[in-house]
Amino acid sequence: MIQVETIEQYIEELDDNSFAKLRDWFIEFEQSRWEKKIEQDSNAGKLDFLINAGFGTL
């Protein structure tokens, strides 16, 4: 597996256009992972306390 330090070095070598593409991709990727985590937590009942506290009606 590639180490974080190696990835950092590659990122530092990117031109502005490639860096912008990577940044945009990473933002979308991070949001997708967050949404999956929220869905998993919701399905597992970990967020039920929000519904029980009245936040489910927002």
PDB file of N, CA and C in Angstrom:
ATOM      1  N   MET A   1       0.836  -1.177   0.000  1.00  0.00           N
ATOM      2  CA  MET A   1       0.000   0.000   0.000  1.00  0.00           C
ATOM      3  C   MET A   1       0.888   1.250   0.000  1.00  0.00           C
ATOM      4  N   ILE A   2       0.436   2.268  -0.721  1.00  0.00           N
ATOM      5  CA  ILE A   2       1.193   3.513  -0.793  1.00  0.00           C
ATOM      6  C   ILE A   2       1.047   4.280   0.513  1.00  0.00           C
ATOM      7  N   GLN A   3       2.156   4.765   1.026  1.00  0.00           N
ATOM      8  CA  GLN A   3       2.128   5.524   2.259  1.00  0.00           C
ATOM      9  C   GLN A   3       1.666   6.955   2.000  1.00  0.00           C
ATOM     10  N   VAL A   4       1.120   7.567   3.022  1.00  0.00           N
ATOM     11  CA  VAL A   4       0.606   8.933   2.913  1.00  0.00           C
ATOM     12  C   VAL A   4       1.709   9.885   2.455  1.00  0.00           C
ATOM     13  N   GLU A   5       2.900   9.702   2.955  1.00  0.00           N
ATOM     14  CA  GLU A   5       4.004  10.583   2.583  1.00  0.00           C
ATOM     15  C   GLU A   5       4.266  10.544   1.082  1.00  0.00           C
ATOM     16  N   THR A   6       4.143   9.372   0.479  1.00  0.00           N
ATOM     17  CA  THR A   6       4.338   9.231  -0.962  1.00  0.00           C
ATOM     18  C   THR A   6       3.238   9.962  -1.719  1.00  0.00           C
ATOM     19  N   ILE A   7       2.023   9.825  -1.266  1.00  0.00           N
ATOM     20  CA  ILE A   7       0.894  10.520  -1.892  1.00  0.00           C
ATOM     21  C   ILE A   7       1.092  12.025  -1.786  1.00  0.00           C
ATOM     22  N   GLU A   8       1.527  12.486  -0.623  1.00  0.00           N
ATOM     23  CA  GLU A   8       1.777  13.919  -0.438  1.00  0.00           C
ATOM     24  C   GLU A   8       2.805  14.431  -1.435  1.00  0.00           C
ATOM     25  N   GLN A   9       3.849  13.665  -1.663  1.00  0.00           N
ATOM     26  CA  GLN A   9       4.884  14.066  -2.614  1.00  0.00           C
ATOM     27  C   GLN A   9       4.301  14.194  -4.021  1.00  0.00           C
ATOM     28  N   TYR A  10       3.485  13.237  -4.419  1.00  0.00           N
ATOM     29  CA  TYR A  10       2.858  13.301  -5.735  1.00  0.00           C
ATOM     30  C   TYR A  10       1.953  14.526  -5.852  1.00  0.00           C
ATOM     31  N   ILE A  11       1.208  14.814  -4.797  1.00  0.00           N
ATOM     32  CA  ILE A  11       0.314  15.967  -4.826  1.00  0.00           C
ATOM     33  C   ILE A  11       1.106  17.262  -4.965  1.00  0.00           C
ATOM     34  N   GLU A  12       2.224  17.365  -4.258  1.00  0.00           N
ATOM     35  CA  GLU A  12       3.058  18.561  -4.343  1.00  0.00           C
ATOM     36  C   GLU A  12       3.578  18.800  -5.757  1.00  0.00           C
ATOM     37  N   GLU A  13       3.688  17.760  -6.554  1.00  0.00           N
ATOM     38  CA  GLU A  13       4.219  17.872  -7.912  1.00  0.00           C
ATOM     39  C   GLU A  13       3.147  18.204  -8.952  1.00  0.00           C
ATOM     40  N   LEU A  14       1.884  18.220  -8.558  1.00  0.00           N
ATOM     41  CA  LEU A  14       0.805  18.492  -9.508  1.00  0.00           C
ATOM     42  C   LEU A  14       0.815  19.946  -9.968  1.00  0.00           C
ATOM     43  N   ASP A  15       0.459  20.155 -11.245  1.00  0.00           N
ATOM     44  CA  ASP A  15       0.266  21.523 -11.720  1.00  0.00           C
ATOM     45  C   ASP A  15      -1.078  22.031 -11.190  1.00  0.00           C
ATOM     46  N   ASP A  16      -1.333  23.309 -11.366  1.00  0.00           N
ATOM     47  CA  ASP A  16      -2.538  23.914 -10.796  1.00  0.00           C
ATOM     48  C   ASP A  16      -3.819  23.246 -11.282  1.00  0.00           C
ATOM     49  N   ASN A  17      -3.902  22.949 -12.565  1.00  0.00           N
ATOM     50  CA  ASN A  17      -5.102  22.339 -13.132  1.00  0.00           C
ATOM     51  C   ASN A  17      -5.325  20.938 -12.554  1.00  0.00           C
ATOM     52  N   SER A  18      -4.283  20.147 -12.486  1.00  0.00           N
ATOM     53  CA  SER A  18      -4.399  18.796 -11.936  1.00  0.00           C
ATOM     54  C   SER A  18      -4.741  18.840 -10.451  1.00  0.00           C
ATOM     55  N   PHE A  19      -4.158  19.806  -9.734  1.00  0.00           N
ATOM     56  CA  PHE A  19      -4.473  19.932  -8.315  1.00  0.00           C
ATOM     57  C   PHE A  19      -5.939  20.291  -8.117  1.00  0.00           C
ATOM     58  N   ALA A  20      -6.463  21.181  -8.949  1.00  0.00           N
ATOM     59  CA  ALA A  20      -7.879  21.574  -8.845  1.00  0.00           C
ATOM     60  C   ALA A  20      -8.781  20.367  -9.108  1.00  0.00           C
ATOM     61  N   LYS A  21      -8.438  19.556 -10.096  1.00  0.00           N
ATOM     62  CA  LYS A  21      -9.218  18.356 -10.389  1.00  0.00           C
ATOM     63  C   LYS A  21      -9.185  17.388  -9.206  1.00  0.00           C
ATOM     64  N   LEU A  22      -8.004  17.210  -8.625  1.00  0.00           N
ATOM     65  CA  LEU A  22      -7.871  16.319  -7.468  1.00  0.00           C
ATOM     66  C   LEU A  22      -8.678  16.854  -6.293  1.00  0.00           C
ATOM     67  N   ARG A  23      -8.593  18.144  -6.049  1.00  0.00           N
ATOM     68  CA  ARG A  23      -9.333  18.757  -4.940  1.00  0.00           C
ATOM     69  C   ARG A  23     -10.829  18.545  -5.111  1.00  0.00           C
ATOM     70  N   ASP A  24     -11.343  18.801  -6.325  1.00  0.00           N
ATOM     71  CA  ASP A  24     -12.770  18.622  -6.586  1.00  0.00           C
ATOM     72  C   ASP A  24     -13.182  17.165  -6.413  1.00  0.00           C
ATOM     73  N   TRP A  25     -12.358  16.262  -6.915  1.00  0.00           N
ATOM     74  CA  TRP A  25     -12.649  14.832  -6.764  1.00  0.00           C
ATOM     75  C   TRP A  25     -12.667  14.455  -5.285  1.00  0.00           C
ATOM     76  N   PHE A  26     -11.686  14.957  -4.536  1.00  0.00           N
ATOM     77  CA  PHE A  26     -11.583  14.583  -3.137  1.00  0.00           C
ATOM     78  C   PHE A  26     -12.775  15.092  -2.340  1.00  0.00           C
ATOM     79  N   ILE A  27     -13.219  16.295  -2.621  1.00  0.00           N
ATOM     80  CA  ILE A  27     -14.382  16.843  -1.925  1.00  0.00           C
ATOM     81  C   ILE A  27     -15.600  15.961  -2.169  1.00  0.00           C
ATOM     82  N   GLU A  28     -15.831  15.583  -3.426  1.00  0.00           N
ATOM     83  CA  GLU A  28     -16.958  14.702  -3.751  1.00  0.00           C
ATOM     84  C   GLU A  28     -16.804  13.340  -3.080  1.00  0.00           C
ATOM     85  N   PHE A  29     -15.594  12.812  -3.092  1.00  0.00           N
ATOM     86  CA  PHE A  29     -15.309  11.515  -2.478  1.00  0.00           C
ATOM     87  C   PHE A  29     -15.578  11.558  -0.978  1.00  0.00           C
ATOM     88  N   GLU A  30     -15.112  12.618  -0.321  1.00  0.00           N
ATOM     89  CA  GLU A  30     -15.316  12.758   1.120  1.00  0.00           C
ATOM     90  C   GLU A  30     -16.800  12.876   1.451  1.00  0.00           C
ATOM     91  N   GLN A  31     -17.532  13.648   0.665  1.00  0.00           N
ATOM     92  CA  GLN A  31     -18.971  13.786   0.892  1.00  0.00           C
ATOM     93  C   GLN A  31     -19.687  12.457   0.720  1.00  0.00           C
ATOM     94  N   SER A  32     -19.279  11.695  -0.265  1.00  0.00           N
ATOM     95  CA  SER A  32     -19.880  10.385  -0.503  1.00  0.00           C
ATOM     96  C   SER A  32     -19.625   9.453   0.685  1.00  0.00           C
ATOM     97  N   ARG A  33     -18.403   9.452   1.194  1.00  0.00           N
ATOM     98  CA  ARG A  33     -18.088   8.613   2.364  1.00  0.00           C
ATOM     99  C   ARG A  33     -18.899   9.045   3.572  1.00  0.00           C
ATOM    100  N   TRP A  34     -19.066  10.352   3.768  1.00  0.00           N
ATOM    101  CA  TRP A  34     -19.834  10.880   4.891  1.00  0.00           C
ATOM    102  C   TRP A  34     -21.286  10.430   4.780  1.00  0.00           C
ATOM    103  N   GLU A  35     -21.859  10.548   3.583  1.00  0.00           N
ATOM    104  CA  GLU A  35     -23.243  10.145   3.379  1.00  0.00           C
ATOM    105  C   GLU A  35     -23.431   8.653   3.653  1.00  0.00           C
ATOM    106  N   LYS A  36     -22.483   7.828   3.209  1.00  0.00           N
ATOM    107  CA  LYS A  36     -22.563   6.390   3.471  1.00  0.00           C
ATOM    108  C   LYS A  36     -22.491   6.103   4.967  1.00  0.00           C
ATOM    109  N   LYS A  37     -21.618   6.832   5.684  1.00  0.00           N
ATOM    110  CA  LYS A  37     -21.477   6.636   7.120  1.00  0.00           C
ATOM    111  C   LYS A  37     -22.762   7.031   7.840  1.00  0.00           C
ATOM    112  N   ILE A  38     -23.353   8.157   7.447  1.00  0.00           N
ATOM    113  CA  ILE A  38     -24.607   8.594   8.053  1.00  0.00           C
ATOM    114  C   ILE A  38     -25.696   7.553   7.803  1.00  0.00           C
ATOM    115  N   GLU A  39     -25.754   7.032   6.579  1.00  0.00           N
ATOM    116  CA  GLU A  39     -26.759   6.018   6.247  1.00  0.00           C
ATOM    117  C   GLU A  39     -26.548   4.756   7.090  1.00  0.00           C
ATOM    118  N   GLN A  40     -25.303   4.319   7.222  1.00  0.00           N
ATOM    119  CA  GLN A  40     -25.007   3.133   8.026  1.00  0.00           C
ATOM    120  C   GLN A  40     -25.410   3.360   9.482  1.00  0.00           C
ATOM    121  N   ASP A  41     -25.052   4.531  10.009  1.00  0.00           N
ATOM    122  CA  ASP A  41     -25.402   4.838  11.397  1.00  0.00           C
ATOM    123  C   ASP A  41     -26.909   4.901  11.580  1.00  0.00           C
ATOM    124  N   SER A  42     -27.601   5.471  10.606  1.00  0.00           N
ATOM    125  CA  SER A  42     -29.051   5.565  10.680  1.00  0.00           C
ATOM    126  C   SER A  42     -29.684   4.176  10.660  1.00  0.00           C
ATOM    127  N   ASN A  43     -29.228   3.333   9.743  1.00  0.00           N
ATOM    128  CA  ASN A  43     -29.752   1.972   9.637  1.00  0.00           C
ATOM    129  C   ASN A  43     -29.471   1.148  10.896  1.00  0.00           C
ATOM    130  N   ALA A  44     -28.375   1.472  11.581  1.00  0.00           N
ATOM    131  CA  ALA A  44     -28.009   0.747  12.793  1.00  0.00           C
ATOM    132  C   ALA A  44     -28.694   1.318  14.038  1.00  0.00           C
ATOM    133  N   GLY A  45     -29.477   2.376  13.850  1.00  0.00           N
ATOM    134  CA  GLY A  45     -30.196   2.967  14.972  1.00  0.00           C
ATOM    135  C   GLY A  45     -29.382   3.939  15.799  1.00  0.00           C
ATOM    136  N   LYS A  46     -28.171   4.256  15.338  1.00  0.00           N
ATOM    137  CA  LYS A  46     -27.299   5.136  16.117  1.00  0.00           C
ATOM    138  C   LYS A  46     -27.774   6.590  16.132  1.00  0.00           C
ATOM    139  N   LEU A  47     -28.689   6.933  15.247  1.00  0.00           N
ATOM    140  CA  LEU A  47     -29.178   8.307  15.185  1.00  0.00           C
ATOM    141  C   LEU A  47     -30.604   8.439  15.705  1.00  0.00           C
ATOM    142  N   ASP A  48     -31.122   7.362  16.242  1.00  0.00           N
ATOM    143  CA  ASP A  48     -32.496   7.378  16.755  1.00  0.00           C
ATOM    144  C   ASP A  48     -32.695   8.433  17.836  1.00  0.00           C
ATOM    145  N   PHE A  49     -31.644   8.720  18.578  1.00  0.00           N
ATOM    146  CA  PHE A  49     -31.769   9.721  19.632  1.00  0.00           C
ATOM    147  C   PHE A  49     -32.142  11.083  19.052  1.00  0.00           C
ATOM    148  N   LEU A  50     -31.749  11.357  17.818  1.00  0.00           N
ATOM    149  CA  LEU A  50     -32.120  12.626  17.179  1.00  0.00           C
ATOM    150  C   LEU A  50     -33.611  12.675  16.900  1.00  0.00           C
ATOM    151  N   ILE A  51     -34.135  11.571  16.410  1.00  0.00           N
ATOM    152  CA  ILE A  51     -35.584  11.491  16.134  1.00  0.00           C
ATOM    153  C   ILE A  51     -36.345  11.605  17.453  1.00  0.00           C
ATOM    154  N   ASN A  52     -35.865  10.908  18.467  1.00  0.00           N
ATOM    155  CA  ASN A  52     -36.536  10.930  19.777  1.00  0.00           C
ATOM    156  C   ASN A  52     -36.475  12.307  20.430  1.00  0.00           C
ATOM    157  N   ALA A  53     -35.462  13.100  20.053  1.00  0.00           N
ATOM    158  CA  ALA A  53     -35.323  14.443  20.626  1.00  0.00           C
ATOM    159  C   ALA A  53     -36.114  15.476  19.835  1.00  0.00           C
ATOM    160  N   GLY A  54     -36.779  15.043  18.766  1.00  0.00           N
ATOM    161  CA  GLY A  54     -37.588  15.967  17.990  1.00  0.00           C
ATOM    162  C   GLY A  54     -36.916  16.527  16.765  1.00  0.00           C
ATOM    163  N   PHE A  55     -35.693  16.090  16.470  1.00  0.00           N
ATOM    164  CA  PHE A  55     -34.988  16.595  15.300  1.00  0.00           C
ATOM    165  C   PHE A  55     -35.437  15.912  14.012  1.00  0.00           C
ATOM    166  N   GLY A  56     -36.249  14.907  14.114  1.00  0.00           N
ATOM    167  CA  GLY A  56     -36.709  14.194  12.930  1.00  0.00           C
ATOM    168  C   GLY A  56     -37.778  14.936  12.159  1.00  0.00           C
ATOM    169  N   THR A  57     -38.257  16.051  12.690  1.00  0.00           N
ATOM    170  CA  THR A  57     -39.311  16.798  12.033  1.00  0.00           C
ATOM    171  C   THR A  57     -38.803  18.053  11.346  1.00  0.00           C
ATOM    172  N   LEU A  58     -37.497  18.186  11.190  1.00  0.00           N
ATOM    173  CA  LEU A  58     -36.929  19.381  10.554  1.00  0.00           C
ATOM    174  C   LEU A  58     -37.234  19.443   9.103  1.00  0.00           C
TER     175      LEU A  58
END
